[in-house]
Amino acid sequence: VLVFYLVVIYSDCTGYPFPTAPPVDPFAKIRVDDCGKTKGCFRYGKPGCNADTCDYFLSYRRIGADVEFELSADTDGWVAVGFSSDKKMGGDDVMACVHDDNGRVRIHHFYNVGQWAKEIQRNPARDEEGVFENNRVTCRFKRPVYVPREETIVDLHLSWYYLFAWGPAIQGSITRHDIDSPPVSERVVSIYKYEDIFMPSAAYQTFSSPFCLLLIVALTFYLLMGTP
């Protein structure tokens, strides 16, 4: 019994098979229900916001000898986190996710010199991925907990203040951040402690201070009592 197998090979007019594109994994959505449990999170913006709606969002978690970071911001340019020994810009190790003109999001390493960022060729990021959707830059990457002693790369097993920033980009290069005074963590951050910290943006800080609340109470009392 003869059995004939018919093999069909799709090809172009040259007779060569068409190449098959490798599968592309979609960017996994950032989970906020893990915040404060299996990862630490910082949210800046409207109360109750998440990774898709906060002005700025960052998460971190330890995975073996690495720390995985997730960043997202309401911008079409770049979003970054800086590791600082104080709350001021200058002398900081910075990781930035930059949206370039080709639509890609790439992770860059910078070192703050005064008020400007100098790109450093040695980039500790690995397993990097990013996406630009709905006018948001979102990314995920890992970097080692321990690194050889070097001025521009900090050891993450130590605690640092985290500086949060985002802004526009021109031809894949970062420009000045969107707001004059970007938010910063109130205290140093330890990668061994997971918290879910919310920081209201300027639009929601109007009546947050005790002075403003006292002023509102006094004004209300004046209006209720009336004038002589």
C-alpha atoms as a PDB file:
ATOM      1  CA  VAL A   1       0.000   0.000   0.000  1.00  0.00           C
ATOM      2  CA  LEU A   2       1.455   3.276  -1.017  1.00  0.00           C
ATOM      3  CA  VAL A   3       0.648   6.300   1.048  1.00  0.00           C
ATOM      4  CA  PHE A   4       1.356   9.709  -0.409  1.00  0.00           C
ATOM      5  CA  TYR A   5       1.877  12.735   1.852  1.00  0.00           C
ATOM      6  CA  LEU A   6       1.031  16.137   0.521  1.00  0.00           C
ATOM      7  CA  VAL A   7       3.196  18.827   2.023  1.00  0.00           C
ATOM      8  CA  VAL A   8       2.181  22.406   1.357  1.00  0.00           C
ATOM      9  CA  ILE A   9       4.817  25.080   1.841  1.00  0.00           C
ATOM     10  CA  TYR A  10       3.706  28.675   1.528  1.00  0.00           C
ATOM     11  CA  SER A  11       6.267  30.632  -0.405  1.00  0.00           C
ATOM     12  CA  ASP A  12       6.759  33.700  -2.474  1.00  0.00           C
ATOM     13  CA  CYS A  13       7.560  33.700  -6.165  1.00  0.00           C
ATOM     14  CA  THR A  14      11.208  32.827  -5.455  1.00  0.00           C
ATOM     15  CA  GLY A  15      10.253  29.456  -4.049  1.00  0.00           C
ATOM     16  CA  TYR A  16      11.536  30.167  -0.514  1.00  0.00           C
ATOM     17  CA  PRO A  17       9.215  29.689   2.469  1.00  0.00           C
ATOM     18  CA  PHE A  18       7.824  32.781   4.129  1.00  0.00           C
ATOM     19  CA  PRO A  19       9.619  33.483   7.443  1.00  0.00           C
ATOM     20  CA  THR A  20       7.519  33.058  10.559  1.00  0.00           C
ATOM     21  CA  ALA A  21       7.620  35.980  12.997  1.00  0.00           C
ATOM     22  CA  PRO A  22       8.428  34.979  16.574  1.00  0.00           C
ATOM     23  CA  PRO A  23       5.513  35.310  19.000  1.00  0.00           C
ATOM     24  CA  VAL A  24       5.356  38.550  20.963  1.00  0.00           C
ATOM     25  CA  ASP A  25       4.202  38.339  24.567  1.00  0.00           C
ATOM     26  CA  PRO A  26       1.766  41.136  25.487  1.00  0.00           C
ATOM     27  CA  PHE A  27       2.711  43.398  28.364  1.00  0.00           C
ATOM     28  CA  ALA A  28       1.254  41.906  31.536  1.00  0.00           C
ATOM     29  CA  LYS A  29      -1.069  44.336  33.301  1.00  0.00           C
ATOM     30  CA  ILE A  30       0.255  45.756  36.574  1.00  0.00           C
ATOM     31  CA  ARG A  31      -1.610  44.254  39.520  1.00  0.00           C
ATOM     32  CA  VAL A  32      -2.418  46.718  42.288  1.00  0.00           C
ATOM     33  CA  ASP A  33      -4.195  44.255  44.554  1.00  0.00           C
ATOM     34  CA  ASP A  34      -0.730  42.910  45.428  1.00  0.00           C
ATOM     35  CA  CYS A  35       0.359  46.301  46.773  1.00  0.00           C
ATOM     36  CA  GLY A  36       1.362  46.151  50.427  1.00  0.00           C
ATOM     37  CA  LYS A  37       1.304  42.334  50.330  1.00  0.00           C
ATOM     38  CA  THR A  38       3.785  40.859  47.862  1.00  0.00           C
ATOM     39  CA  LYS A  39       5.199  44.151  46.614  1.00  0.00           C
ATOM     40  CA  GLY A  40       5.588  47.755  47.699  1.00  0.00           C
ATOM     41  CA  CYS A  41       3.752  50.526  45.846  1.00  0.00           C
ATOM     42  CA  PHE A  42       3.691  54.289  45.572  1.00  0.00           C
ATOM     43  CA  ARG A  43       0.687  56.040  44.034  1.00  0.00           C
ATOM     44  CA  TYR A  44       0.597  59.738  43.237  1.00  0.00           C
ATOM     45  CA  GLY A  45      -2.586  61.355  41.977  1.00  0.00           C
ATOM     46  CA  LYS A  46      -6.281  61.090  42.688  1.00  0.00           C
ATOM     47  CA  PRO A  47      -7.341  59.117  45.787  1.00  0.00           C
ATOM     48  CA  GLY A  48      -8.092  55.508  44.878  1.00  0.00           C
ATOM     49  CA  CYS A  49      -6.124  55.623  41.625  1.00  0.00           C
ATOM     50  CA  ASN A  50      -4.370  52.562  40.205  1.00  0.00           C
ATOM     51  CA  ALA A  51      -1.519  51.856  37.792  1.00  0.00           C
ATOM     52  CA  ASP A  52      -3.687  52.980  34.849  1.00  0.00           C
ATOM     53  CA  THR A  53      -5.091  56.151  36.386  1.00  0.00           C
ATOM     54  CA  CYS A  54      -2.506  57.578  38.808  1.00  0.00           C
ATOM     55  CA  ASP A  55      -0.426  60.514  37.644  1.00  0.00           C
ATOM     56  CA  TYR A  56       2.530  58.347  38.689  1.00  0.00           C
ATOM     57  CA  PHE A  57       2.777  54.763  39.897  1.00  0.00           C
ATOM     58  CA  LEU A  58       5.707  52.632  41.071  1.00  0.00           C
ATOM     59  CA  SER A  59       5.972  49.159  42.529  1.00  0.00           C
ATOM     60  CA  TYR A  60       8.936  47.091  43.696  1.00  0.00           C
ATOM     61  CA  ARG A  61       9.433  43.502  44.838  1.00  0.00           C
ATOM     62  CA  ARG A  62      12.363  41.184  45.462  1.00  0.00           C
ATOM     63  CA  ILE A  63      12.809  38.231  43.128  1.00  0.00           C
ATOM     64  CA  GLY A  64      15.844  36.227  44.145  1.00  0.00           C
ATOM     65  CA  ALA A  65      18.953  38.366  43.726  1.00  0.00           C
ATOM     66  CA  ASP A  66      16.984  41.040  41.826  1.00  0.00           C
ATOM     67  CA  VAL A  67      14.432  43.742  42.489  1.00  0.00           C
ATOM     68  CA  GLU A  68      11.625  44.053  39.954  1.00  0.00           C
ATOM     69  CA  PHE A  69      10.290  47.549  39.351  1.00  0.00           C
ATOM     70  CA  GLU A  70       7.079  48.569  37.592  1.00  0.00           C
ATOM     71  CA  LEU A  71       6.579  52.198  36.582  1.00  0.00           C
ATOM     72  CA  SER A  72       3.714  54.014  34.918  1.00  0.00           C
ATOM     73  CA  ALA A  73       2.865  57.679  34.373  1.00  0.00           C
ATOM     74  CA  ASP A  74       0.406  59.868  32.522  1.00  0.00           C
ATOM     75  CA  THR A  75       2.851  61.040  29.847  1.00  0.00           C
ATOM     76  CA  ASP A  76       3.900  60.343  26.286  1.00  0.00           C
ATOM     77  CA  GLY A  77       7.599  60.791  27.108  1.00  0.00           C
ATOM     78  CA  TRP A  78       9.319  59.191  30.090  1.00  0.00           C
ATOM     79  CA  VAL A  79       8.820  57.971  33.638  1.00  0.00           C
ATOM     80  CA  ALA A  80      11.617  57.477  36.164  1.00  0.00           C
ATOM     81  CA  VAL A  81      12.614  56.610  39.708  1.00  0.00           C
ATOM     82  CA  GLY A  82      15.710  57.967  41.426  1.00  0.00           C
ATOM     83  CA  PHE A  83      17.544  56.549  44.436  1.00  0.00           C
ATOM     84  CA  SER A  84      18.858  59.321  46.647  1.00  0.00           C
ATOM     85  CA  SER A  85      20.622  59.715  49.987  1.00  0.00           C
ATOM     86  CA  ASP A  86      18.519  62.829  50.623  1.00  0.00           C
ATOM     87  CA  LYS A  87      15.322  64.336  49.272  1.00  0.00           C
ATOM     88  CA  LYS A  88      17.088  66.592  46.804  1.00  0.00           C
ATOM     89  CA  MET A  89      18.008  66.112  43.166  1.00  0.00           C
ATOM     90  CA  GLY A  90      21.732  65.687  42.650  1.00  0.00           C
ATOM     91  CA  GLY A  91      24.076  62.718  42.916  1.00  0.00           C
ATOM     92  CA  ASP A  92      21.245  60.226  42.316  1.00  0.00           C
ATOM     93  CA  ASP A  93      21.076  56.863  40.570  1.00  0.00           C
ATOM     94  CA  VAL A  94      18.118  57.060  38.148  1.00  0.00           C
ATOM     95  CA  MET A  95      16.278  54.474  36.073  1.00  0.00           C
ATOM     96  CA  ALA A  96      14.036  55.894  33.342  1.00  0.00           C
ATOM     97  CA  CYS A  97      11.658  54.291  30.874  1.00  0.00           C
ATOM     98  CA  VAL A  98      11.678  56.380  27.698  1.00  0.00           C
ATOM     99  CA  HIS A  99       9.181  56.327  24.842  1.00  0.00           C
ATOM    100  CA  ASP A 100      11.078  56.883  21.578  1.00  0.00           C
ATOM    101  CA  ASP A 101       9.945  58.070  18.139  1.00  0.00           C
ATOM    102  CA  ASN A 102       9.570  54.476  16.930  1.00  0.00           C
ATOM    103  CA  GLY A 103       6.917  53.775  19.542  1.00  0.00           C
ATOM    104  CA  ARG A 104       9.190  51.623  21.711  1.00  0.00           C
ATOM    105  CA  VAL A 105       9.745  52.017  25.440  1.00  0.00           C
ATOM    106  CA  ARG A 106      13.359  51.470  26.476  1.00  0.00           C
ATOM    107  CA  ILE A 107      15.010  51.530  29.904  1.00  0.00           C
ATOM    108  CA  HIS A 108      17.897  53.977  30.353  1.00  0.00           C
ATOM    109  CA  HIS A 109      20.274  54.562  33.246  1.00  0.00           C
ATOM    110  CA  PHE A 110      21.104  58.117  34.359  1.00  0.00           C
ATOM    111  CA  TYR A 111      23.074  59.849  37.077  1.00  0.00           C
ATOM    112  CA  ASN A 112      21.863  63.225  38.300  1.00  0.00           C
ATOM    113  CA  VAL A 113      24.570  65.874  38.205  1.00  0.00           C
ATOM    114  CA  GLY A 114      23.021  68.871  39.902  1.00  0.00           C
ATOM    115  CA  GLN A 115      19.712  69.536  38.159  1.00  0.00           C
ATOM    116  CA  TRP A 116      20.383  67.618  34.966  1.00  0.00           C
ATOM    117  CA  ALA A 117      20.600  63.920  34.153  1.00  0.00           C
ATOM    118  CA  LYS A 118      23.649  62.389  32.511  1.00  0.00           C
ATOM    119  CA  GLU A 119      23.099  59.053  30.770  1.00  0.00           C
ATOM    120  CA  ILE A 120      25.384  56.257  31.956  1.00  0.00           C
ATOM    121  CA  GLN A 121      26.390  53.542  29.500  1.00  0.00           C
ATOM    122  CA  ARG A 122      26.514  50.865  32.181  1.00  0.00           C
ATOM    123  CA  ASN A 123      22.865  49.908  32.577  1.00  0.00           C
ATOM    124  CA  PRO A 124      21.954  47.486  35.382  1.00  0.00           C
ATOM    125  CA  ALA A 125      18.460  46.831  33.962  1.00  0.00           C
ATOM    126  CA  ARG A 126      17.530  43.405  32.617  1.00  0.00           C
ATOM    127  CA  ASP A 127      14.378  41.563  31.564  1.00  0.00           C
ATOM    128  CA  GLU A 128      13.095  44.929  30.451  1.00  0.00           C
ATOM    129  CA  GLU A 129       9.747  45.465  28.785  1.00  0.00           C
ATOM    130  CA  GLY A 130       7.571  48.488  28.178  1.00  0.00           C
ATOM    131  CA  VAL A 131       4.517  49.766  26.384  1.00  0.00           C
ATOM    132  CA  PHE A 132       2.955  53.086  25.386  1.00  0.00           C
ATOM    133  CA  GLU A 133      -0.835  52.964  25.472  1.00  0.00           C
ATOM    134  CA  ASN A 134      -3.613  55.439  26.249  1.00  0.00           C
ATOM    135  CA  ASN A 135      -1.070  58.254  26.566  1.00  0.00           C
ATOM    136  CA  ARG A 136       0.768  56.359  29.317  1.00  0.00           C
ATOM    137  CA  VAL A 137       4.328  55.091  29.492  1.00  0.00           C
ATOM    138  CA  THR A 138       4.469  51.827  31.425  1.00  0.00           C
ATOM    139  CA  CYS A 139       7.449  49.565  31.951  1.00  0.00           C
ATOM    140  CA  ARG A 140       8.845  46.685  33.967  1.00  0.00           C
ATOM    141  CA  PHE A 141      12.465  45.700  34.584  1.00  0.00           C
ATOM    142  CA  LYS A 142      14.786  44.051  37.083  1.00  0.00           C
ATOM    143  CA  ARG A 143      18.110  45.171  38.505  1.00  0.00           C
ATOM    144  CA  PRO A 144      20.439  43.427  40.975  1.00  0.00           C
ATOM    145  CA  VAL A 145      20.106  43.997  44.696  1.00  0.00           C
ATOM    146  CA  TYR A 146      23.876  43.983  45.143  1.00  0.00           C
ATOM    147  CA  VAL A 147      26.296  45.670  42.754  1.00  0.00           C
ATOM    148  CA  PRO A 148      30.052  46.351  42.850  1.00  0.00           C
ATOM    149  CA  ARG A 149      30.781  49.593  44.632  1.00  0.00           C
ATOM    150  CA  GLU A 150      30.342  52.394  42.119  1.00  0.00           C
ATOM    151  CA  GLU A 151      29.248  56.000  42.420  1.00  0.00           C
ATOM    152  CA  THR A 152      26.516  55.875  39.772  1.00  0.00           C
ATOM    153  CA  ILE A 153      24.839  52.603  40.828  1.00  0.00           C
ATOM    154  CA  VAL A 154      23.531  52.151  44.369  1.00  0.00           C
ATOM    155  CA  ASP A 155      23.133  48.953  46.354  1.00  0.00           C
ATOM    156  CA  LEU A 156      19.418  48.364  46.760  1.00  0.00           C
ATOM    157  CA  HIS A 157      19.838  46.334  49.945  1.00  0.00           C
ATOM    158  CA  LEU A 158      20.438  49.719  51.576  1.00  0.00           C
ATOM    159  CA  SER A 159      17.558  52.124  52.139  1.00  0.00           C
ATOM    160  CA  TRP A 160      17.185  55.223  49.950  1.00  0.00           C
ATOM    161  CA  TYR A 161      14.776  58.059  49.390  1.00  0.00           C
ATOM    162  CA  TYR A 162      12.860  57.458  46.159  1.00  0.00           C
ATOM    163  CA  LEU A 163      12.465  60.375  43.752  1.00  0.00           C
ATOM    164  CA  PHE A 164       9.532  60.151  41.350  1.00  0.00           C
ATOM    165  CA  ALA A 165       9.500  62.023  38.041  1.00  0.00           C
ATOM    166  CA  TRP A 166       7.996  61.978  34.548  1.00  0.00           C
ATOM    167  CA  GLY A 167       7.845  64.292  31.572  1.00  0.00           C
ATOM    168  CA  PRO A 168       8.048  64.730  27.796  1.00  0.00           C
ATOM    169  CA  ALA A 169      10.713  63.331  25.502  1.00  0.00           C
ATOM    170  CA  ILE A 170      12.114  64.682  22.243  1.00  0.00           C
ATOM    171  CA  GLN A 171      13.398  62.102  19.771  1.00  0.00           C
ATOM    172  CA  GLY A 172      13.824  59.590  22.564  1.00  0.00           C
ATOM    173  CA  SER A 173      15.700  62.007  24.860  1.00  0.00           C
ATOM    174  CA  ILE A 174      14.240  63.097  28.186  1.00  0.00           C
ATOM    175  CA  THR A 175      13.458  66.752  28.897  1.00  0.00           C
ATOM    176  CA  ARG A 176      12.484  68.590  32.075  1.00  0.00           C
ATOM    177  CA  HIS A 177       9.965  66.851  34.318  1.00  0.00           C
ATOM    178  CA  ASP A 178       6.301  67.830  34.138  1.00  0.00           C
ATOM    179  CA  ILE A 179       5.958  69.473  37.564  1.00  0.00           C
ATOM    180  CA  ASP A 180       8.311  71.875  39.321  1.00  0.00           C
ATOM    181  CA  SER A 181       8.539  69.850  42.521  1.00  0.00           C
ATOM    182  CA  PRO A 182       8.206  66.129  41.735  1.00  0.00           C
ATOM    183  CA  PRO A 183       7.067  63.930  44.626  1.00  0.00           C
ATOM    184  CA  VAL A 184       9.553  62.118  46.852  1.00  0.00           C
ATOM    185  CA  SER A 185       9.116  59.408  49.479  1.00  0.00           C
ATOM    186  CA  GLU A 186       8.625  60.831  52.977  1.00  0.00           C
ATOM    187  CA  ARG A 187      11.197  58.441  54.413  1.00  0.00           C
ATOM    188  CA  VAL A 188      13.840  56.069  53.137  1.00  0.00           C
ATOM    189  CA  VAL A 189      12.504  52.973  51.398  1.00  0.00           C
ATOM    190  CA  SER A 190      13.586  49.437  52.218  1.00  0.00           C
ATOM    191  CA  ILE A 191      13.096  46.764  49.561  1.00  0.00           C
ATOM    192  CA  TYR A 192      12.519  44.318  52.429  1.00  0.00           C
ATOM    193  CA  LYS A 193       9.349  46.086  53.549  1.00  0.00           C
ATOM    194  CA  TYR A 194       6.225  46.208  51.386  1.00  0.00           C
ATOM    195  CA  GLU A 195       3.857  49.139  51.855  1.00  0.00           C
ATOM    196  CA  ASP A 196       1.103  50.687  49.760  1.00  0.00           C
ATOM    197  CA  ILE A 197       1.662  54.437  50.004  1.00  0.00           C
ATOM    198  CA  PHE A 198      -0.643  57.046  48.467  1.00  0.00           C
ATOM    199  CA  MET A 199       0.492  60.620  47.864  1.00  0.00           C
ATOM    200  CA  PRO A 200      -2.209  63.073  46.741  1.00  0.00           C
ATOM    201  CA  SER A 201      -1.288  65.238  43.786  1.00  0.00           C
ATOM    202  CA  ALA A 202      -1.405  69.030  44.034  1.00  0.00           C
ATOM    203  CA  ALA A 203      -5.045  69.121  42.931  1.00  0.00           C
ATOM    204  CA  TYR A 204      -6.023  67.118  46.027  1.00  0.00           C
ATOM    205  CA  GLN A 205      -3.780  68.837  48.553  1.00  0.00           C
ATOM    206  CA  THR A 206      -5.677  72.146  48.693  1.00  0.00           C
ATOM    207  CA  PHE A 207      -7.337  71.619  52.067  1.00  0.00           C
ATOM    208  CA  SER A 208      -5.070  68.992  53.560  1.00  0.00           C
ATOM    209  CA  SER A 209      -3.065  71.189  55.938  1.00  0.00           C
ATOM    210  CA  PRO A 210      -4.299  71.967  59.505  1.00  0.00           C
ATOM    211  CA  PHE A 211      -4.095  75.694  58.747  1.00  0.00           C
ATOM    212  CA  CYS A 212      -6.464  75.364  55.797  1.00  0.00           C
ATOM    213  CA  LEU A 213      -8.894  73.296  57.848  1.00  0.00           C
ATOM    214  CA  LEU A 214      -8.823  75.864  60.652  1.00  0.00           C
ATOM    215  CA  LEU A 215      -9.457  78.613  58.120  1.00  0.00           C
ATOM    216  CA  ILE A 216     -12.479  76.774  56.740  1.00  0.00           C
ATOM    217  CA  VAL A 217     -13.910  76.284  60.250  1.00  0.00           C
ATOM    218  CA  ALA A 218     -13.428  79.976  61.069  1.00  0.00           C
ATOM    219  CA  LEU A 219     -15.028  81.085  57.799  1.00  0.00           C
ATOM    220  CA  THR A 220     -17.991  78.745  58.327  1.00  0.00           C
ATOM    221  CA  PHE A 221     -18.506  80.069  61.873  1.00  0.00           C
ATOM    222  CA  TYR A 222     -18.367  83.666  60.596  1.00  0.00           C
ATOM    223  CA  LEU A 223     -20.978  82.992  57.922  1.00  0.00           C
ATOM    224  CA  LEU A 224     -23.304  81.219  60.364  1.00  0.00           C
ATOM    225  CA  MET A 225     -23.080  83.988  62.971  1.00  0.00           C
ATOM    226  CA  GLY A 226     -23.468  86.739  60.458  1.00  0.00           C
ATOM    227  CA  THR A 227     -22.073  90.224  60.682  1.00  0.00           C
ATOM    228  CA  PRO A 228     -23.206  92.840  63.295  1.00  0.00           C
END
